[in-house]
PDB file of N, CA and C in Angstrom:
ATOM      1  N   MET A   1      31.111 -73.163 -27.985  1.00  0.00           N
ATOM      2  CA  MET A   1      32.132 -72.613 -27.127  1.00  0.00           C
ATOM      3  C   MET A   1      31.635 -71.305 -26.518  1.00  0.00           C
ATOM      4  N   ALA A   2      31.890 -71.119 -25.246  1.00  0.00           N
ATOM      5  CA  ALA A   2      31.510 -69.896 -24.554  1.00  0.00           C
ATOM      6  C   ALA A   2      32.535 -68.807 -24.841  1.00  0.00           C
ATOM      7  N   ILE A   3      32.058 -67.599 -24.981  1.00  0.00           N
ATOM      8  CA  ILE A   3      32.912 -66.444 -25.231  1.00  0.00           C
ATOM      9  C   ILE A   3      33.150 -65.743 -23.900  1.00  0.00           C
ATOM     10  N   LEU A   4      34.409 -65.497 -23.586  1.00  0.00           N
ATOM     11  CA  LEU A   4      34.771 -64.773 -22.372  1.00  0.00           C
ATOM     12  C   LEU A   4      35.160 -63.354 -22.765  1.00  0.00           C
ATOM     13  N   ARG A   5      34.498 -62.375 -22.169  1.00  0.00           N
ATOM     14  CA  ARG A   5      34.815 -60.957 -22.403  1.00  0.00           C
ATOM     15  C   ARG A   5      35.374 -60.395 -21.107  1.00  0.00           C
ATOM     16  N   LEU A   6      36.512 -59.733 -21.202  1.00  0.00           N
ATOM     17  CA  LEU A   6      37.196 -59.190 -20.036  1.00  0.00           C
ATOM     18  C   LEU A   6      37.303 -57.683 -20.158  1.00  0.00           C
ATOM     19  N   PHE A   7      37.125 -56.989 -19.028  1.00  0.00           N
ATOM     20  CA  PHE A   7      37.129 -55.538 -19.021  1.00  0.00           C
ATOM     21  C   PHE A   7      38.099 -55.006 -17.981  1.00  0.00           C
ATOM     22  N   ALA A   8      38.615 -53.812 -18.223  1.00  0.00           N
ATOM     23  CA  ALA A   8      39.453 -53.048 -17.296  1.00  0.00           C
ATOM     24  C   ALA A   8      40.619 -53.879 -16.764  1.00  0.00           C
ATOM     25  N   SER A   9      40.765 -53.982 -15.449  1.00  0.00           N
ATOM     26  CA  SER A   9      41.919 -54.675 -14.869  1.00  0.00           C
ATOM     27  C   SER A   9      41.931 -56.169 -15.191  1.00  0.00           C
ATOM     28  N   ALA A  10      40.773 -56.767 -15.421  1.00  0.00           N
ATOM     29  CA  ALA A  10      40.740 -58.182 -15.815  1.00  0.00           C
ATOM     30  C   ALA A  10      41.362 -58.345 -17.201  1.00  0.00           C
ATOM     31  N   ARG A  11      41.070 -57.434 -18.101  1.00  0.00           N
ATOM     32  CA  ARG A  11      41.662 -57.466 -19.442  1.00  0.00           C
ATOM     33  C   ARG A  11      43.165 -57.262 -19.354  1.00  0.00           C
ATOM     34  N   GLU A  12      43.595 -56.323 -18.527  1.00  0.00           N
ATOM     35  CA  GLU A  12      45.026 -56.067 -18.364  1.00  0.00           C
ATOM     36  C   GLU A  12      45.747 -57.296 -17.806  1.00  0.00           C
ATOM     37  N   ALA A  13      45.160 -57.946 -16.814  1.00  0.00           N
ATOM     38  CA  ALA A  13      45.790 -59.107 -16.196  1.00  0.00           C
ATOM     39  C   ALA A  13      45.882 -60.285 -17.163  1.00  0.00           C
ATOM     40  N   ALA A  14      44.886 -60.429 -18.023  1.00  0.00           N
ATOM     41  CA  ALA A  14      44.861 -61.550 -18.971  1.00  0.00           C
ATOM     42  C   ALA A  14      45.661 -61.244 -20.235  1.00  0.00           C
ATOM     43  N   GLY A  15      45.801 -59.972 -20.554  1.00  0.00           N
ATOM     44  CA  GLY A  15      46.481 -59.598 -21.781  1.00  0.00           C
ATOM     45  C   GLY A  15      45.605 -59.705 -23.016  1.00  0.00           C
ATOM     46  N   THR A  16      44.301 -59.829 -22.808  1.00  0.00           N
ATOM     47  CA  THR A  16      43.344 -59.903 -23.905  1.00  0.00           C
ATOM     48  C   THR A  16      41.977 -59.467 -23.402  1.00  0.00           C
ATOM     49  N   GLY A  17      41.124 -59.054 -24.311  1.00  0.00           N
ATOM     50  CA  GLY A  17      39.767 -58.677 -23.936  1.00  0.00           C
ATOM     51  C   GLY A  17      38.735 -59.714 -24.295  1.00  0.00           C
ATOM     52  N   ARG A  18      39.173 -60.754 -25.041  1.00  0.00           N
ATOM     53  CA  ARG A  18      38.212 -61.759 -25.514  1.00  0.00           C
ATOM     54  C   ARG A  18      38.919 -63.086 -25.727  1.00  0.00           C
ATOM     55  N   ASP A  19      38.228 -64.164 -25.383  1.00  0.00           N
ATOM     56  CA  ASP A  19      38.745 -65.508 -25.617  1.00  0.00           C
ATOM     57  C   ASP A  19      37.548 -66.457 -25.690  1.00  0.00           C
ATOM     58  N   VAL A  20      37.791 -67.683 -26.068  1.00  0.00           N
ATOM     59  CA  VAL A  20      36.728 -68.690 -26.116  1.00  0.00           C
ATOM     60  C   VAL A  20      37.161 -69.927 -25.344  1.00  0.00           C
ATOM     61  N   PHE A  21      36.184 -70.566 -24.716  1.00  0.00           N
ATOM     62  CA  PHE A  21      36.437 -71.753 -23.903  1.00  0.00           C
ATOM     63  C   PHE A  21      35.339 -72.769 -24.143  1.00  0.00           C
ATOM     64  N   GLU A  22      35.708 -74.026 -24.149  1.00  0.00           N
ATOM     65  CA  GLU A  22      34.734 -75.107 -24.198  1.00  0.00           C
ATOM     66  C   GLU A  22      34.486 -75.521 -22.757  1.00  0.00           C
ATOM     67  N   ALA A  23      33.304 -75.188 -22.248  1.00  0.00           N
ATOM     68  CA  ALA A  23      33.009 -75.398 -20.835  1.00  0.00           C
ATOM     69  C   ALA A  23      31.512 -75.609 -20.644  1.00  0.00           C
ATOM     70  N   ALA A  24      31.163 -76.219 -19.506  1.00  0.00           N
ATOM     71  CA  ALA A  24      29.764 -76.503 -19.208  1.00  0.00           C
ATOM     72  C   ALA A  24      29.123 -75.450 -18.313  1.00  0.00           C
ATOM     73  N   THR A  25      29.939 -74.784 -17.479  1.00  0.00           N
ATOM     74  CA  THR A  25      29.410 -73.795 -16.544  1.00  0.00           C
ATOM     75  C   THR A  25      30.286 -72.547 -16.533  1.00  0.00           C
ATOM     76  N   VAL A  26      29.760 -71.479 -15.953  1.00  0.00           N
ATOM     77  CA  VAL A  26      30.534 -70.258 -15.777  1.00  0.00           C
ATOM     78  C   VAL A  26      31.791 -70.560 -14.974  1.00  0.00           C
ATOM     79  N   GLY A  27      31.667 -71.358 -13.928  1.00  0.00           N
ATOM     80  CA  GLY A  27      32.820 -71.727 -13.107  1.00  0.00           C
ATOM     81  C   GLY A  27      33.902 -72.434 -13.908  1.00  0.00           C
ATOM     82  N   ASP A  28      33.490 -73.293 -14.835  1.00  0.00           N
ATOM     83  CA  ASP A  28      34.460 -73.974 -15.695  1.00  0.00           C
ATOM     84  C   ASP A  28      35.202 -72.974 -16.575  1.00  0.00           C
ATOM     85  N   VAL A  29      34.471 -72.017 -17.141  1.00  0.00           N
ATOM     86  CA  VAL A  29      35.089 -70.979 -17.973  1.00  0.00           C
ATOM     87  C   VAL A  29      36.127 -70.219 -17.154  1.00  0.00           C
ATOM     88  N   LEU A  30      35.749 -69.797 -15.950  1.00  0.00           N
ATOM     89  CA  LEU A  30      36.651 -69.006 -15.119  1.00  0.00           C
ATOM     90  C   LEU A  30      37.856 -69.816 -14.655  1.00  0.00           C
ATOM     91  N   ALA A  31      37.651 -71.088 -14.344  1.00  0.00           N
ATOM     92  CA  ALA A  31      38.767 -71.943 -13.940  1.00  0.00           C
ATOM     93  C   ALA A  31      39.761 -72.122 -15.088  1.00  0.00           C
ATOM     94  N   GLN A  32      39.249 -72.362 -16.280  1.00  0.00           N
ATOM     95  CA  GLN A  32      40.122 -72.503 -17.438  1.00  0.00           C
ATOM     96  C   GLN A  32      40.859 -71.200 -17.728  1.00  0.00           C
ATOM     97  N   ALA A  33      40.168 -70.078 -17.578  1.00  0.00           N
ATOM     98  CA  ALA A  33      40.797 -68.777 -17.788  1.00  0.00           C
ATOM     99  C   ALA A  33      41.906 -68.552 -16.761  1.00  0.00           C
ATOM    100  N   GLY A  34      41.660 -68.931 -15.526  1.00  0.00           N
ATOM    101  CA  GLY A  34      42.681 -68.803 -14.484  1.00  0.00           C
ATOM    102  C   GLY A  34      43.920 -69.617 -14.804  1.00  0.00           C
ATOM    103  N   GLU A  35      43.721 -70.813 -15.331  1.00  0.00           N
ATOM    104  CA  GLU A  35      44.863 -71.649 -15.725  1.00  0.00           C
ATOM    105  C   GLU A  35      45.610 -71.019 -16.899  1.00  0.00           C
ATOM    106  N   ARG A  36      44.885 -70.465 -17.833  1.00  0.00           N
ATOM    107  CA  ARG A  36      45.491 -69.883 -19.033  1.00  0.00           C
ATOM    108  C   ARG A  36      46.225 -68.579 -18.729  1.00  0.00           C
ATOM    109  N   TYR A  37      45.659 -67.723 -17.866  1.00  0.00           N
ATOM    110  CA  TYR A  37      46.198 -66.386 -17.656  1.00  0.00           C
ATOM    111  C   TYR A  37      47.036 -66.230 -16.393  1.00  0.00           C
ATOM    112  N   GLY A  38      46.957 -67.162 -15.464  1.00  0.00           N
ATOM    113  CA  GLY A  38      47.842 -67.149 -14.307  1.00  0.00           C
ATOM    114  C   GLY A  38      47.304 -66.479 -13.057  1.00  0.00           C
ATOM    115  N   GLU A  39      48.192 -66.422 -12.060  1.00  0.00           N
ATOM    116  CA  GLU A  39      47.817 -65.966 -10.723  1.00  0.00           C
ATOM    117  C   GLU A  39      47.370 -64.510 -10.677  1.00  0.00           C
ATOM    118  N   GLY A  40      47.967 -63.663 -11.484  1.00  0.00           N
ATOM    119  CA  GLY A  40      47.568 -62.259 -11.504  1.00  0.00           C
ATOM    120  C   GLY A  40      46.111 -62.101 -11.910  1.00  0.00           C
ATOM    121  N   PHE A  41      45.701 -62.870 -12.902  1.00  0.00           N
ATOM    122  CA  PHE A  41      44.308 -62.838 -13.335  1.00  0.00           C
ATOM    123  C   PHE A  41      43.395 -63.387 -12.242  1.00  0.00           C
ATOM    124  N   VAL A  42      43.790 -64.486 -11.629  1.00  0.00           N
ATOM    125  CA  VAL A  42      42.980 -65.089 -10.569  1.00  0.00           C
ATOM    126  C   VAL A  42      42.785 -64.102  -9.425  1.00  0.00           C
ATOM    127  N   ALA A  43      43.827 -63.342  -9.088  1.00  0.00           N
ATOM    128  CA  ALA A  43      43.726 -62.354  -8.012  1.00  0.00           C
ATOM    129  C   ALA A  43      42.721 -61.263  -8.371  1.00  0.00           C
ATOM    130  N   VAL A  44      42.752 -60.783  -9.608  1.00  0.00           N
ATOM    131  CA  VAL A  44      41.798 -59.759 -10.052  1.00  0.00           C
ATOM    132  C   VAL A  44      40.387 -60.336 -10.057  1.00  0.00           C
ATOM    133  N   LEU A  45      40.251 -61.565 -10.521  1.00  0.00           N
ATOM    134  CA  LEU A  45      38.949 -62.218 -10.642  1.00  0.00           C
ATOM    135  C   LEU A  45      38.203 -62.272  -9.308  1.00  0.00           C
ATOM    136  N   ALA A  46      38.948 -62.391  -8.213  1.00  0.00           N
ATOM    137  CA  ALA A  46      38.326 -62.506  -6.892  1.00  0.00           C
ATOM    138  C   ALA A  46      37.447 -61.298  -6.550  1.00  0.00           C
ATOM    139  N   ALA A  47      37.750 -60.132  -7.130  1.00  0.00           N
ATOM    140  CA  ALA A  47      36.988 -58.925  -6.819  1.00  0.00           C
ATOM    141  C   ALA A  47      35.958 -58.583  -7.898  1.00  0.00           C
ATOM    142  N   CYS A  48      35.848 -59.418  -8.915  1.00  0.00           N
ATOM    143  CA  CYS A  48      35.003 -59.103 -10.068  1.00  0.00           C
ATOM    144  C   CYS A  48      33.583 -59.648  -9.931  1.00  0.00           C
ATOM    145  N   ARG A  49      32.696 -59.042 -10.707  1.00  0.00           N
ATOM    146  CA  ARG A  49      31.338 -59.573 -10.885  1.00  0.00           C
ATOM    147  C   ARG A  49      31.311 -60.269 -12.230  1.00  0.00           C
ATOM    148  N   VAL A  50      30.502 -61.292 -12.316  1.00  0.00           N
ATOM    149  CA  VAL A  50      30.443 -62.093 -13.545  1.00  0.00           C
ATOM    150  C   VAL A  50      29.014 -62.116 -14.055  1.00  0.00           C
ATOM    151  N   TRP A  51      28.876 -61.909 -15.356  1.00  0.00           N
ATOM    152  CA  TRP A  51      27.573 -61.862 -16.010  1.00  0.00           C
ATOM    153  C   TRP A  51      27.547 -62.855 -17.160  1.00  0.00           C
ATOM    154  N   LEU A  52      26.411 -63.447 -17.407  1.00  0.00           N
ATOM    155  CA  LEU A  52      26.214 -64.338 -18.545  1.00  0.00           C
ATOM    156  C   LEU A  52      25.102 -63.756 -19.406  1.00  0.00           C
ATOM    157  N   ASN A  53      25.450 -63.377 -20.614  1.00  0.00           N
ATOM    158  CA  ASN A  53      24.478 -62.802 -21.549  1.00  0.00           C
ATOM    159  C   ASN A  53      23.698 -61.636 -20.939  1.00  0.00           C
ATOM    160  N   GLY A  54      24.401 -60.810 -20.133  1.00  0.00           N
ATOM    161  CA  GLY A  54      23.782 -59.619 -19.570  1.00  0.00           C
ATOM    162  C   GLY A  54      23.098 -59.806 -18.227  1.00  0.00           C
ATOM    163  N   ASP A  55      23.095 -61.026 -17.701  1.00  0.00           N
ATOM    164  CA  ASP A  55      22.489 -61.293 -16.400  1.00  0.00           C
ATOM    165  C   ASP A  55      23.559 -61.779 -15.431  1.00  0.00           C
ATOM    166  N   GLU A  56      23.464 -61.342 -14.170  1.00  0.00           N
ATOM    167  CA  GLU A  56      24.432 -61.777 -13.175  1.00  0.00           C
ATOM    168  C   GLU A  56      24.410 -63.307 -13.073  1.00  0.00           C
ATOM    169  N   ALA A  57      25.598 -63.896 -12.932  1.00  0.00           N
ATOM    170  CA  ALA A  57      25.715 -65.355 -12.914  1.00  0.00           C
ATOM    171  C   ALA A  57      26.637 -65.795 -11.789  1.00  0.00           C
ATOM    172  N   ASP A  58      26.500 -67.064 -11.395  1.00  0.00           N
ATOM    173  CA  ASP A  58      27.436 -67.641 -10.436  1.00  0.00           C
ATOM    174  C   ASP A  58      28.150 -68.816 -11.102  1.00  0.00           C
ATOM    175  N   ASN A  59      29.035 -69.447 -10.376  1.00  0.00           N
ATOM    176  CA  ASN A  59      29.858 -70.521 -10.952  1.00  0.00           C
ATOM    177  C   ASN A  59      29.048 -71.706 -11.461  1.00  0.00           C
ATOM    178  N   ALA A  60      27.882 -71.945 -10.900  1.00  0.00           N
ATOM    179  CA  ALA A  60      27.075 -73.102 -11.303  1.00  0.00           C
ATOM    180  C   ALA A  60      26.206 -72.840 -12.528  1.00  0.00           C
ATOM    181  N   THR A  61      26.138 -71.599 -12.978  1.00  0.00           N
ATOM    182  CA  THR A  61      25.287 -71.256 -14.120  1.00  0.00           C
ATOM    183  C   THR A  61      25.796 -71.961 -15.374  1.00  0.00           C
ATOM    184  N   PRO A  62      24.930 -72.725 -16.053  1.00  0.00           N
ATOM    185  CA  PRO A  62      25.367 -73.421 -17.272  1.00  0.00           C
ATOM    186  C   PRO A  62      25.619 -72.443 -18.421  1.00  0.00           C
ATOM    187  N   VAL A  63      26.583 -72.789 -19.266  1.00  0.00           N
ATOM    188  CA  VAL A  63      26.863 -72.010 -20.473  1.00  0.00           C
ATOM    189  C   VAL A  63      26.677 -72.894 -21.695  1.00  0.00           C
ATOM    190  N   GLY A  64      26.238 -72.272 -22.768  1.00  0.00           N
ATOM    191  CA  GLY A  64      26.051 -72.981 -24.021  1.00  0.00           C
ATOM    192  C   GLY A  64      26.886 -72.352 -25.123  1.00  0.00           C
ATOM    193  N   VAL A  65      26.721 -72.873 -26.303  1.00  0.00           N
ATOM    194  CA  VAL A  65      27.444 -72.377 -27.461  1.00  0.00           C
ATOM    195  C   VAL A  65      27.076 -70.912 -27.697  1.00  0.00           C
ATOM    196  N   ASP A  66      28.078 -70.096 -27.904  1.00  0.00           N
ATOM    197  CA  ASP A  66      27.922 -68.665 -28.181  1.00  0.00           C
ATOM    198  C   ASP A  66      27.406 -67.843 -27.008  1.00  0.00           C
ATOM    199  N   ASP A  67      27.316 -68.428 -25.805  1.00  0.00           N
ATOM    200  CA  ASP A  67      26.996 -67.623 -24.628  1.00  0.00           C
ATOM    201  C   ASP A  67      28.189 -66.736 -24.311  1.00  0.00           C
ATOM    202  N   GLU A  68      27.914 -65.555 -23.751  1.00  0.00           N
ATOM    203  CA  GLU A  68      28.972 -64.616 -23.431  1.00  0.00           C
ATOM    204  C   GLU A  68      29.086 -64.437 -21.925  1.00  0.00           C
ATOM    205  N   VAL A  69      30.254 -64.781 -21.391  1.00  0.00           N
ATOM    206  CA  VAL A  69      30.579 -64.594 -19.979  1.00  0.00           C
ATOM    207  C   VAL A  69      31.403 -63.312 -19.885  1.00  0.00           C
ATOM    208  N   ALA A  70      30.911 -62.338 -19.133  1.00  0.00           N
ATOM    209  CA  ALA A  70      31.607 -61.058 -18.992  1.00  0.00           C
ATOM    210  C   ALA A  70      32.141 -60.917 -17.574  1.00  0.00           C
ATOM    211  N   VAL A  71      33.413 -60.530 -17.467  1.00  0.00           N
ATOM    212  CA  VAL A  71      34.060 -60.321 -16.177  1.00  0.00           C
ATOM    213  C   VAL A  71      34.262 -58.818 -15.999  1.00  0.00           C
ATOM    214  N   LEU A  72      33.603 -58.274 -14.962  1.00  0.00           N
ATOM    215  CA  LEU A  72      33.595 -56.823 -14.737  1.00  0.00           C
ATOM    216  C   LEU A  72      34.212 -56.507 -13.370  1.00  0.00           C
ATOM    217  N   PRO A  73      35.405 -55.937 -13.362  1.00  0.00           N
ATOM    218  CA  PRO A  73      36.012 -55.525 -12.098  1.00  0.00           C
ATOM    219  C   PRO A  73      35.237 -54.362 -11.486  1.00  0.00           C
ATOM    220  N   PRO A  74      35.428 -54.117 -10.191  1.00  0.00           N
ATOM    221  CA  PRO A  74      34.774 -52.977  -9.568  1.00  0.00           C
ATOM    222  C   PRO A  74      35.213 -51.679 -10.252  1.00  0.00           C
ATOM    223  N   VAL A  75      34.311 -50.745 -10.336  1.00  0.00           N
ATOM    224  CA  VAL A  75      34.612 -49.448 -10.944  1.00  0.00           C
ATOM    225  C   VAL A  75      34.978 -48.472  -9.833  1.00  0.00           C
ATOM    226  N   SER A  76      36.049 -47.733 -10.047  1.00  0.00           N
ATOM    227  CA  SER A  76      36.425 -46.714  -9.072  1.00  0.00           C
ATOM    228  C   SER A  76      36.577 -45.376  -9.777  1.00  0.00           C
ATOM    229  N   GLY A  77      36.711 -44.366  -8.990  1.00  0.00           N
ATOM    230  CA  GLY A  77      36.877 -43.036  -9.575  1.00  0.00           C
ATOM    231  C   GLY A  77      35.558 -42.326  -9.680  1.00  0.00           C
ATOM    232  N   GLY A  78      35.513 -41.340 -10.538  1.00  0.00           N
ATOM    233  CA  GLY A  78      34.293 -40.558 -10.717  1.00  0.00           C
ATOM    234  C   GLY A  78      34.591 -39.089 -10.535  1.00  0.00           C
ATOM    235  N   ALA A  79      33.569 -38.317 -10.570  1.00  0.00           N
ATOM    236  CA  ALA A  79      33.724 -36.872 -10.465  1.00  0.00           C
ATOM    237  C   ALA A  79      34.004 -36.466  -9.021  1.00  0.00           C
ATOM    238  N   SER A  80      34.862 -35.505  -8.885  1.00  0.00           N
ATOM    239  CA  SER A  80      35.185 -34.979  -7.567  1.00  0.00           C
ATOM    240  C   SER A  80      34.206 -33.861  -7.234  1.00  0.00           C
ATOM    241  N   SER A  81      33.854 -33.727  -5.982  1.00  0.00           N
ATOM    242  CA  SER A  81      32.933 -32.661  -5.557  1.00  0.00           C
ATOM    243  C   SER A  81      33.693 -31.442  -5.076  1.00  0.00           C
ATOM    244  N   ASP A  82      35.020 -31.432  -5.254  1.00  0.00           N
ATOM    245  CA  ASP A  82      35.829 -30.287  -4.807  1.00  0.00           C
ATOM    246  C   ASP A  82      35.574 -29.057  -5.617  1.00  0.00           C
TER     247      ASP A  82
END
């Protein structure tokens, strides 16, 4: 089973930071997550980057047992120069 790790607004939208899915590809994991967590999560997901085991991945990337799919929303904020 693939492990899904969610961060920041993706975690907030899903209501969890971690879940597991039985899936063949990253796209399958994300589709199942969208069904489980609903439209709010799907909306956040559209702006996110997705990584598999620390490497950027796309929907066609295969996943195996104990692979980790990480969903990282864009980061905003930072130090002000004022």
